[in-house]
Amino acid sequence: MERALTALVTNDDGIDSPGLHRLAQAALDAGLELLIAAPASEASGSSASITVAQEDGRILYERRELAGLDGVTAFAVEAGPGLITLLAGHGTFGPTPDLVLSGINRGINVGQVVLHSGTVGAALTGGVNGLRALAVSQEAPTESEELDWTAASALARQVIPRLAEQPRGTVLNLNVPIVAGDTVPELRAATLAEFGVAQTTATERDEGSDDHVRLAVSSPSARPRPGSDAALLADGYATLTAIRSITEDPAVPLEDLVSRSRG
């Protein structure tokens, strides 16, 4: 009899996020053994950072009991999700996981700006260390409005078994739009948009100030490329994108650049 696969469930919204708890339940429903290890506090925008709050060179963490997830091992860690995933991959919190499930994030992660997402950063860290990984994000209208996680958790439950069939190192990014009631939106394969839901447009120094600048962020003015995650989400579809971490760029003529540099 084959053993059940083990999944690390993490996020960048913190251990108390309801999205994390709903993703953990989806993983249980998919028949996985679970290990939950997530930041003790919010770590959004941390990408795959391995910076950490240390005490005498130690990374602090504590065991937690999570409501509705009785018997599941859970840790609140004083670190971002990228480092947590790296640690889990080395067996810090128990058996080395087979899968990394990151989310469910409050707010979508689309386009090339997923580079900066802690949710996606955890998944990419898992992928570069030979694990299969899934990042899950749910569109959120406002910071304060309560979200219905039903559609995102249902789609995660559908995708997880398919993820387990993929080659080691596979990383998938799932984004889910806001839907009414118990509706589960149609899932579409998507490419990455050039930007995301927002882009940096300028930085400027306040007049008379020498100690800070302001970052200007706005929604992209152009319609996203057809078939991209941003475009499909705008049309009401959930999107699934296969992404990869840092790799070589074969389009750059390196041998020519090196030989010319020698000359």
Protein backbone atom coordinates (compact mmCIF):
# COMPACT_ATOMS: atom_id res chain seq x y z
CA MET A 1 0.00 0.00 0.00
CA GLU A 2 1.43 3.39 -1.00
CA ARG A 3 1.92 5.95 1.75
CA ALA A 4 -0.09 9.16 1.69
CA LEU A 5 1.78 12.16 0.36
CA THR A 6 2.75 14.84 2.86
CA ALA A 7 2.11 18.52 2.12
CA LEU A 8 3.61 21.59 3.74
CA VAL A 9 0.87 24.23 4.00
CA THR A 10 2.21 27.76 4.38
CA ASN A 11 1.32 31.33 3.37
CA ASP A 12 2.40 34.95 3.67
CA ASP A 13 -0.72 36.24 5.48
CA GLY A 14 0.26 34.53 8.72
CA ILE A 15 -0.69 31.48 10.76
CA ASP A 16 -4.07 32.94 11.78
CA SER A 17 -5.29 33.60 8.24
CA PRO A 18 -8.60 31.85 7.41
CA GLY A 19 -7.28 31.27 3.90
CA LEU A 20 -4.48 29.09 5.30
CA HIS A 21 -6.98 27.06 7.29
CA ARG A 22 -9.23 26.55 4.24
CA LEU A 23 -6.28 25.39 2.12
CA ALA A 24 -5.27 22.96 4.85
CA GLN A 25 -8.79 21.52 4.88
CA ALA A 26 -8.74 21.20 1.08
CA ALA A 27 -5.48 19.26 1.35
CA LEU A 28 -6.98 16.96 3.97
CA ASP A 29 -9.98 16.39 1.71
CA ALA A 30 -7.56 15.46 -1.08
CA GLY A 31 -6.13 12.71 1.14
CA LEU A 32 -2.83 14.32 2.09
CA GLU A 33 -0.92 14.17 5.35
CA LEU A 34 -0.34 17.71 6.59
CA LEU A 35 2.36 19.83 8.13
CA ILE A 36 1.43 23.48 8.67
CA ALA A 37 4.24 26.00 9.14
CA ALA A 38 3.46 29.65 8.49
CA PRO A 39 4.72 33.08 9.53
CA ALA A 40 3.78 34.14 13.05
CA SER A 41 2.71 37.49 11.55
CA GLU A 42 1.99 38.82 8.06
CA ALA A 43 4.87 38.54 5.58
CA SER A 44 3.23 39.78 2.37
CA GLY A 45 5.56 40.93 -0.40
CA SER A 46 8.46 38.92 1.00
CA SER A 47 9.04 37.00 -2.24
CA ALA A 48 11.44 34.08 -1.55
CA SER A 49 13.37 36.06 1.06
CA ILE A 50 15.38 34.15 3.66
CA THR A 51 15.70 37.08 6.04
CA VAL A 52 14.51 36.19 9.51
CA ALA A 53 14.01 37.42 13.05
CA GLN A 54 16.67 35.62 15.06
CA GLU A 55 17.51 35.34 18.74
CA ASP A 56 21.15 34.44 19.37
CA GLY A 57 21.30 32.97 15.87
CA ARG A 58 18.19 30.85 16.42
CA ILE A 59 15.05 30.94 14.27
CA LEU A 60 12.15 30.98 16.67
CA TYR A 61 8.97 28.94 16.23
CA GLU A 62 6.23 27.55 18.43
CA ARG A 63 3.66 24.79 18.09
CA ARG A 64 0.07 25.93 17.58
CA GLU A 65 -3.34 24.29 17.80
CA LEU A 66 -5.59 25.47 14.96
CA ALA A 67 -9.36 25.39 15.32
CA GLY A 68 -11.00 22.78 13.09
CA LEU A 69 -7.66 21.12 12.29
CA ASP A 70 -7.35 18.83 15.29
CA GLY A 71 -4.36 16.53 15.16
CA VAL A 72 -2.56 18.50 12.44
CA THR A 73 0.97 19.57 13.35
CA ALA A 74 1.20 23.35 13.07
CA PHE A 75 3.98 25.83 13.79
CA ALA A 76 4.06 29.64 13.90
CA VAL A 77 7.52 30.65 12.67
CA GLU A 78 9.33 33.97 13.02
CA ALA A 79 10.29 33.92 9.34
CA GLY A 80 8.89 34.50 5.85
CA PRO A 81 7.29 31.71 3.80
CA GLY A 82 10.32 31.24 1.53
CA LEU A 83 12.60 30.43 4.45
CA ILE A 84 9.91 28.32 6.11
CA THR A 85 9.66 26.24 2.94
CA LEU A 86 13.44 25.90 2.77
CA LEU A 87 13.56 24.74 6.39
CA ALA A 88 10.71 22.28 5.88
CA GLY A 89 12.52 20.83 2.89
CA HIS A 90 15.40 19.99 5.22
CA GLY A 91 13.13 18.25 7.72
CA THR A 92 13.10 21.00 10.35
CA PHE A 93 9.43 20.57 11.24
CA GLY A 94 9.09 16.84 10.68
CA PRO A 95 9.13 14.55 7.62
CA THR A 96 10.26 16.23 4.40
CA PRO A 97 7.09 17.16 2.46
CA ASP A 98 6.29 15.92 -1.03
CA LEU A 99 4.21 18.99 -1.90
CA VAL A 100 4.17 22.66 -0.95
CA LEU A 101 0.75 24.36 -0.81
CA SER A 102 0.93 28.12 -0.29
CA GLY A 103 -2.11 30.31 0.43
CA ILE A 104 -4.95 30.85 0.15
CA ASN A 105 -3.71 34.41 -0.26
CA ARG A 106 -6.05 37.35 0.28
CA GLY A 107 -5.68 39.09 -3.10
CA ILE A 108 -4.66 37.70 -6.48
CA ASN A 109 -1.08 37.12 -7.61
CA VAL A 110 -0.92 37.52 -11.38
CA GLY A 111 1.52 38.68 -14.03
CA GLN A 112 5.26 38.99 -13.85
CA VAL A 113 5.00 40.85 -10.54
CA VAL A 114 4.45 37.48 -8.82
CA LEU A 115 8.24 37.80 -8.43
CA HIS A 116 7.49 39.88 -5.31
CA SER A 117 4.77 37.68 -3.80
CA GLY A 118 5.51 35.76 -0.62
CA THR A 119 2.76 33.29 -1.53
CA VAL A 120 4.39 32.52 -4.88
CA GLY A 121 7.88 32.81 -3.38
CA ALA A 122 7.17 29.88 -1.08
CA ALA A 123 5.98 27.77 -4.02
CA LEU A 124 9.03 28.68 -6.12
CA THR A 125 11.33 27.83 -3.21
CA GLY A 126 9.71 24.42 -3.03
CA GLY A 127 10.10 23.95 -6.77
CA VAL A 128 13.78 24.86 -6.87
CA ASN A 129 14.34 22.28 -4.11
CA GLY A 130 12.69 19.52 -6.12
CA LEU A 131 9.21 19.64 -4.55
CA ARG A 132 5.91 20.02 -6.39
CA ALA A 133 4.22 23.24 -5.36
CA LEU A 134 0.96 25.16 -5.71
CA ALA A 135 0.29 28.80 -4.85
CA VAL A 136 -3.39 29.71 -4.39
CA SER A 137 -4.79 33.26 -4.32
CA GLN A 138 -8.32 34.65 -4.01
CA GLU A 139 -9.41 38.00 -5.40
CA ALA A 140 -10.35 40.44 -2.62
CA PRO A 141 -12.38 43.62 -3.20
CA THR A 142 -11.24 45.50 -0.09
CA GLU A 143 -8.89 45.00 2.83
CA SER A 144 -11.68 44.79 5.39
CA GLU A 145 -14.43 42.82 3.63
CA GLU A 146 -14.79 39.20 4.72
CA LEU A 147 -14.02 36.72 1.95
CA ASP A 148 -15.83 33.56 0.93
CA TRP A 149 -13.06 31.00 0.39
CA THR A 150 -15.37 28.29 -0.99
CA ALA A 151 -14.44 28.55 -4.68
CA ALA A 152 -10.69 28.84 -4.07
CA SER A 153 -10.62 25.86 -1.71
CA ALA A 154 -12.77 23.78 -4.10
CA LEU A 155 -10.44 24.49 -7.03
CA ALA A 156 -7.37 23.79 -4.92
CA ARG A 157 -8.89 20.42 -3.97
CA GLN A 158 -9.33 19.65 -7.69
CA VAL A 159 -5.81 20.71 -8.69
CA ILE A 160 -3.85 19.06 -5.85
CA PRO A 161 -4.19 15.47 -7.17
CA ARG A 162 -3.10 16.63 -10.63
CA LEU A 163 -0.11 18.46 -9.12
CA ALA A 164 0.99 15.23 -7.42
CA GLU A 165 1.20 13.57 -10.87
CA GLN A 166 3.58 16.19 -12.29
CA PRO A 167 7.40 15.97 -12.42
CA ARG A 168 9.36 17.04 -9.35
CA GLY A 169 9.99 20.78 -9.37
CA THR A 170 6.63 21.65 -10.97
CA VAL A 171 5.19 24.95 -9.67
CA LEU A 172 1.60 26.00 -10.38
CA ASN A 173 -0.05 29.36 -9.66
CA LEU A 174 -3.84 29.31 -9.13
CA ASN A 175 -5.89 32.53 -9.01
CA VAL A 176 -9.61 32.69 -8.30
CA PRO A 177 -11.97 35.62 -9.01
CA ILE A 178 -14.81 36.74 -6.76
CA VAL A 179 -17.94 34.69 -7.48
CA ALA A 180 -21.45 34.62 -6.06
CA GLY A 181 -22.59 31.99 -3.59
CA ASP A 182 -21.31 28.45 -4.08
CA THR A 183 -20.38 29.01 -7.72
CA VAL A 184 -17.03 27.55 -8.75
CA PRO A 185 -15.65 29.41 -11.78
CA GLU A 186 -14.34 27.62 -14.84
CA LEU A 187 -10.60 26.96 -14.65
CA ARG A 188 -8.49 28.06 -17.62
CA ALA A 189 -4.81 27.56 -18.46
CA ALA A 190 -3.13 30.97 -18.56
CA THR A 191 0.11 32.71 -19.38
CA LEU A 192 1.61 35.43 -17.19
CA ALA A 193 0.49 38.97 -17.93
CA GLU A 194 3.22 41.53 -18.51
CA PHE A 195 2.27 43.26 -15.28
CA GLY A 196 -0.28 42.36 -12.63
CA VAL A 197 -3.14 44.13 -10.92
CA ALA A 198 -0.82 47.08 -10.28
CA GLN A 199 2.51 48.38 -11.48
CA THR A 200 5.10 50.79 -10.19
CA THR A 201 4.94 53.93 -12.30
CA ALA A 202 7.36 56.32 -10.60
CA THR A 203 9.30 57.17 -7.51
CA GLU A 204 9.78 60.72 -6.43
CA ARG A 205 11.37 62.53 -3.53
CA ASP A 206 9.15 64.87 -1.54
CA GLU A 207 10.15 68.49 -2.02
CA GLY A 208 12.66 69.51 0.61
CA SER A 209 13.11 65.94 1.88
CA ASP A 210 16.40 64.06 1.87
CA ASP A 211 15.36 61.04 3.88
CA HIS A 212 12.51 59.35 1.99
CA VAL A 213 10.79 58.86 -1.37
CA ARG A 214 7.24 57.98 -2.37
CA LEU A 215 6.36 54.96 -4.51
CA ALA A 216 3.57 55.58 -7.04
CA VAL A 217 1.49 52.51 -7.91
CA SER A 218 -1.37 52.41 -10.39
CA SER A 219 -3.48 49.95 -12.35
CA PRO A 220 -2.11 49.18 -15.84
CA SER A 221 -3.79 51.31 -18.49
CA ALA A 222 -3.57 48.74 -21.29
CA ARG A 223 -5.80 45.67 -21.62
CA PRO A 224 -3.81 42.58 -20.54
CA ARG A 225 -2.64 40.23 -23.29
CA PRO A 226 -5.41 37.77 -24.33
CA GLY A 227 -4.98 34.40 -22.65
CA SER A 228 -2.97 35.88 -19.77
CA ASP A 229 -3.92 35.36 -16.14
CA ALA A 230 -4.93 39.01 -15.66
CA ALA A 231 -7.15 39.01 -18.78
CA LEU A 232 -8.89 35.72 -17.97
CA LEU A 233 -9.50 36.75 -14.36
CA ALA A 234 -11.06 39.99 -15.58
CA ASP A 235 -13.45 37.84 -17.64
CA GLY A 236 -14.47 35.82 -14.58
CA TYR A 237 -12.34 32.69 -15.05
CA ALA A 238 -10.05 31.06 -12.51
CA THR A 239 -6.55 30.68 -13.90
CA LEU A 240 -3.76 28.13 -13.61
CA THR A 241 -0.25 29.02 -14.72
CA ALA A 242 2.90 26.91 -14.66
CA ILE A 243 5.85 29.02 -13.54
CA ARG A 244 9.51 28.40 -12.90
CA SER A 245 12.17 29.99 -10.76
CA ILE A 246 15.48 31.50 -11.83
CA THR A 247 16.99 29.75 -14.82
CA GLU A 248 19.45 30.48 -17.61
CA ASP A 249 18.37 32.61 -20.60
CA PRO A 250 19.41 30.81 -23.82
CA ALA A 251 18.53 33.88 -25.91
CA VAL A 252 21.53 35.87 -24.68
CA PRO A 253 24.65 35.22 -26.86
CA LEU A 254 26.94 34.54 -23.91
CA GLU A 255 29.80 32.95 -25.86
CA ASP A 256 29.97 36.01 -28.12
CA LEU A 257 29.85 38.37 -25.16
CA VAL A 258 32.60 36.45 -23.35
CA SER A 259 34.90 36.27 -26.39
CA ARG A 260 34.46 39.97 -27.12
CA SER A 261 35.12 40.84 -23.51
CA ARG A 262 38.41 38.94 -23.64
CA GLY A 263 39.45 40.96 -26.66
